[in-house]
Amino acid sequence: MSFFAYRLVAEENEHMELVFFDGWGSLLRTLIVGLLAYVTLVLFLRLSGNRTLSKMNAFDLIVTVALGSTLATVLLSKDVALMDGAIALALLISLQFVITWTSVRYRWVRRLVTGEPLMLLYRGEFLIAPLRQARVTQDEVRSAIRSSGIGDVASVEAVVLETDGSLSVVRCQSDSGKTSLEDVRGPK
């Protein structure tokens, strides 16, 4: 084996070792930064309130994925300092807090960020255009109705696709004047 070939094999073996073990310093850094980043994330989430951890709509899912990605980057990248990661986590949580705070106060912000509920069935009749728009099948709507303990589709006032992706089933009720379907897009 020539010197060049031997050197190439030695370099490959050295790189293979880095795949499995990069030294005690790397493990210690991951342990310390991981613990501190985790504590920082939990602290920030607690400070931002319960809304940050609520049932997710598309906006909340994006923030959650971004938080996870940021935490992973801080944890595993030697190029990102813990303080940089903490600022990135704080920025994401702060933006989420500001958006949810404004969406509670301004309906147009809420609709922009989370969308609006969509009626898929009304008074026992499937609404074909909204079903197609939402990419939901009639079978999925019937399944939601059964899950609500209702056997007859005709006894359902409405089925609504909520902004978090869940299906809400509203039973037929007497005309009391007030309806939970007030903010739902669809026939009323």
Protein backbone atom coordinates (compact mmCIF):
# COMPACT_ATOMS: atom_id res chain seq x y z
CA MET A 1 0.00 0.00 0.00
CA SER A 2 1.40 3.36 -0.98
CA PHE A 3 1.89 6.15 1.51
CA PHE A 4 -0.93 8.18 -0.14
CA ALA A 5 -3.38 5.27 0.05
CA TYR A 6 -2.41 4.59 3.69
CA ARG A 7 -2.92 8.27 4.60
CA LEU A 8 -6.37 8.29 2.90
CA VAL A 9 -7.48 5.19 4.84
CA ALA A 10 -6.19 6.71 8.10
CA GLU A 11 -8.13 9.94 7.45
CA GLU A 12 -11.32 7.97 6.69
CA ASN A 13 -10.95 6.01 9.93
CA GLU A 14 -10.44 9.26 11.84
CA HIS A 15 -13.63 10.70 10.35
CA MET A 16 -15.53 7.50 11.15
CA GLU A 17 -14.52 7.85 14.79
CA LEU A 18 -16.10 11.33 14.82
CA VAL A 19 -19.40 9.78 13.76
CA PHE A 20 -19.54 7.68 16.93
CA PHE A 21 -17.49 9.67 19.43
CA ASP A 22 -16.12 13.18 19.19
CA GLY A 23 -14.53 13.31 22.61
CA TRP A 24 -15.63 13.90 26.18
CA GLY A 25 -15.68 17.67 25.70
CA SER A 26 -18.39 17.39 23.07
CA LEU A 27 -20.51 15.13 25.28
CA LEU A 28 -20.07 17.44 28.26
CA ARG A 29 -21.03 20.51 26.16
CA THR A 30 -24.15 18.73 24.87
CA LEU A 31 -25.14 17.75 28.41
CA ILE A 32 -24.62 21.21 29.93
CA VAL A 33 -26.09 23.21 27.03
CA GLY A 34 -28.98 20.76 26.69
CA LEU A 35 -29.89 21.08 30.35
CA LEU A 36 -29.60 24.88 30.35
CA ALA A 37 -31.46 25.28 27.04
CA TYR A 38 -34.26 23.03 28.27
CA VAL A 39 -34.61 24.96 31.53
CA THR A 40 -34.56 28.23 29.55
CA LEU A 41 -37.27 27.01 27.17
CA VAL A 42 -39.51 25.80 30.01
CA LEU A 43 -39.02 29.08 31.88
CA PHE A 44 -39.89 31.15 28.79
CA LEU A 45 -42.97 28.99 28.09
CA ARG A 46 -44.18 29.38 31.66
CA LEU A 47 -43.66 33.15 31.52
CA SER A 48 -45.59 33.43 28.25
CA GLY A 49 -48.69 31.78 29.74
CA ASN A 50 -50.90 28.79 29.03
CA ARG A 51 -51.93 29.99 25.57
CA THR A 52 -48.48 29.10 24.23
CA LEU A 53 -49.14 25.46 25.10
CA SER A 54 -52.79 25.32 24.04
CA LYS A 55 -54.39 23.13 21.42
CA MET A 56 -52.61 24.03 18.23
CA ASN A 57 -53.79 25.76 15.11
CA ALA A 58 -51.45 26.09 12.11
CA PHE A 59 -49.72 29.16 13.56
CA ASP A 60 -49.06 27.45 16.90
CA LEU A 61 -47.72 24.38 15.11
CA ILE A 62 -45.24 26.51 13.16
CA VAL A 63 -44.02 28.18 16.36
CA THR A 64 -43.70 24.80 18.09
CA VAL A 65 -41.67 23.33 15.21
CA ALA A 66 -39.49 26.44 15.14
CA LEU A 67 -38.90 26.17 18.90
CA GLY A 68 -37.93 22.51 18.53
CA SER A 69 -35.60 23.26 15.66
CA THR A 70 -33.98 26.11 17.58
CA LEU A 71 -33.53 23.94 20.66
CA ALA A 72 -31.95 21.19 18.56
CA THR A 73 -29.60 23.65 16.88
CA VAL A 74 -28.50 25.11 20.22
CA LEU A 75 -28.06 21.63 21.61
CA LEU A 76 -26.05 20.11 18.78
CA SER A 77 -24.26 22.95 16.99
CA LYS A 78 -21.00 24.15 18.45
CA ASP A 79 -21.37 27.29 16.33
CA VAL A 80 -24.39 28.51 18.33
CA ALA A 81 -23.77 29.75 21.86
CA LEU A 82 -26.33 29.12 24.58
CA MET A 83 -27.09 32.86 24.89
CA ASP A 84 -27.73 33.10 21.13
CA GLY A 85 -30.14 30.18 21.41
CA ALA A 86 -31.85 31.66 24.45
CA ILE A 87 -32.39 34.92 22.55
CA ALA A 88 -33.77 32.99 19.55
CA LEU A 89 -36.16 31.05 21.83
CA ALA A 90 -37.23 34.25 23.58
CA LEU A 91 -37.81 35.94 20.22
CA LEU A 92 -40.02 33.11 18.93
CA ILE A 93 -42.05 32.95 22.14
CA SER A 94 -42.35 36.75 22.29
CA LEU A 95 -43.60 36.89 18.70
CA GLN A 96 -46.11 34.16 19.45
CA PHE A 97 -47.24 36.05 22.55
CA VAL A 98 -47.65 39.33 20.63
CA ILE A 99 -49.58 37.66 17.81
CA THR A 100 -51.93 35.80 20.18
CA TRP A 101 -52.38 38.94 22.33
CA THR A 102 -53.38 40.98 19.29
CA SER A 103 -55.52 38.18 17.86
CA VAL A 104 -57.60 38.16 21.06
CA ARG A 105 -58.21 41.88 20.68
CA TYR A 106 -58.57 42.24 16.90
CA ARG A 107 -60.71 39.86 14.89
CA TRP A 108 -58.90 40.62 11.60
CA VAL A 109 -55.56 39.53 13.15
CA ARG A 110 -57.17 36.32 14.45
CA ARG A 111 -58.58 35.51 11.02
CA LEU A 112 -55.27 36.33 9.35
CA VAL A 113 -53.25 34.12 11.69
CA THR A 114 -55.58 31.22 12.47
CA GLY A 115 -58.17 31.31 9.71
CA GLU A 116 -61.80 30.81 10.52
CA PRO A 117 -64.00 27.79 11.24
CA LEU A 118 -65.67 26.24 8.21
CA MET A 119 -69.08 24.57 8.16
CA LEU A 120 -69.03 21.18 6.42
CA LEU A 121 -72.55 19.95 7.17
CA TYR A 122 -75.64 22.01 7.89
CA ARG A 123 -78.98 20.64 9.09
CA GLY A 124 -78.16 17.12 7.95
CA GLU A 125 -76.91 18.16 4.49
CA PHE A 126 -73.29 17.88 3.40
CA LEU A 127 -71.83 21.10 1.97
CA ILE A 128 -69.84 19.81 -1.00
CA ALA A 129 -67.82 22.94 -1.88
CA PRO A 130 -66.54 23.49 1.70
CA LEU A 131 -65.77 19.76 2.03
CA ARG A 132 -63.62 19.93 -1.12
CA GLN A 133 -62.00 23.19 -0.04
CA ALA A 134 -61.05 21.66 3.31
CA ARG A 135 -60.09 18.29 1.76
CA VAL A 136 -62.38 16.46 4.20
CA THR A 137 -64.47 13.45 3.16
CA GLN A 138 -68.07 12.78 4.06
CA ASP A 139 -66.86 9.62 5.82
CA GLU A 140 -64.67 11.73 8.12
CA VAL A 141 -67.66 13.93 8.95
CA ARG A 142 -69.84 10.88 9.66
CA SER A 143 -67.07 9.50 11.88
CA ALA A 144 -67.04 12.74 13.89
CA ILE A 145 -70.81 12.51 14.25
CA ARG A 146 -70.58 8.92 15.51
CA SER A 147 -67.78 9.92 17.91
CA SER A 148 -70.18 12.48 19.37
CA GLY A 149 -72.65 9.71 20.15
CA ILE A 150 -75.14 10.67 17.44
CA GLY A 151 -76.51 8.00 15.14
CA ASP A 152 -78.65 10.09 12.80
CA VAL A 153 -77.06 12.71 10.52
CA ALA A 154 -80.43 14.46 10.29
CA SER A 155 -80.30 15.24 14.00
CA VAL A 156 -77.12 17.28 13.52
CA GLU A 157 -77.42 21.05 13.20
CA ALA A 158 -73.85 21.44 11.91
CA VAL A 159 -70.39 19.95 11.67
CA VAL A 160 -67.63 22.54 11.77
CA LEU A 161 -63.97 22.22 10.83
CA GLU A 162 -62.29 24.25 13.58
CA THR A 163 -59.12 26.29 13.10
CA ASP A 164 -57.09 23.63 14.94
CA GLY A 165 -58.22 20.94 12.47
CA SER A 166 -60.73 19.25 14.77
CA LEU A 167 -64.34 18.60 13.81
CA SER A 168 -67.07 19.95 16.11
CA VAL A 169 -70.53 18.44 15.99
CA VAL A 170 -73.48 20.63 17.00
CA ARG A 171 -76.77 18.86 17.77
CA CYS A 172 -80.11 20.26 16.62
CA GLN A 173 -81.52 22.49 19.32
CA SER A 174 -84.65 24.43 19.94
CA ASP A 175 -84.62 28.00 18.65
CA SER A 176 -83.26 29.83 21.67
CA GLY A 177 -81.92 32.68 19.55
CA LYS A 178 -78.24 32.29 20.48
CA THR A 179 -76.07 30.00 18.41
CA SER A 180 -72.50 28.78 18.66
CA LEU A 181 -72.33 28.96 14.86
CA GLU A 182 -72.17 32.76 14.79
CA ASP A 183 -68.53 33.04 13.63
CA VAL A 184 -68.57 30.03 11.30
CA ARG A 185 -68.30 30.48 7.57
CA GLY A 186 -71.17 28.71 5.80
CA PRO A 187 -74.95 28.83 5.38
CA LYS A 188 -76.96 29.88 8.43
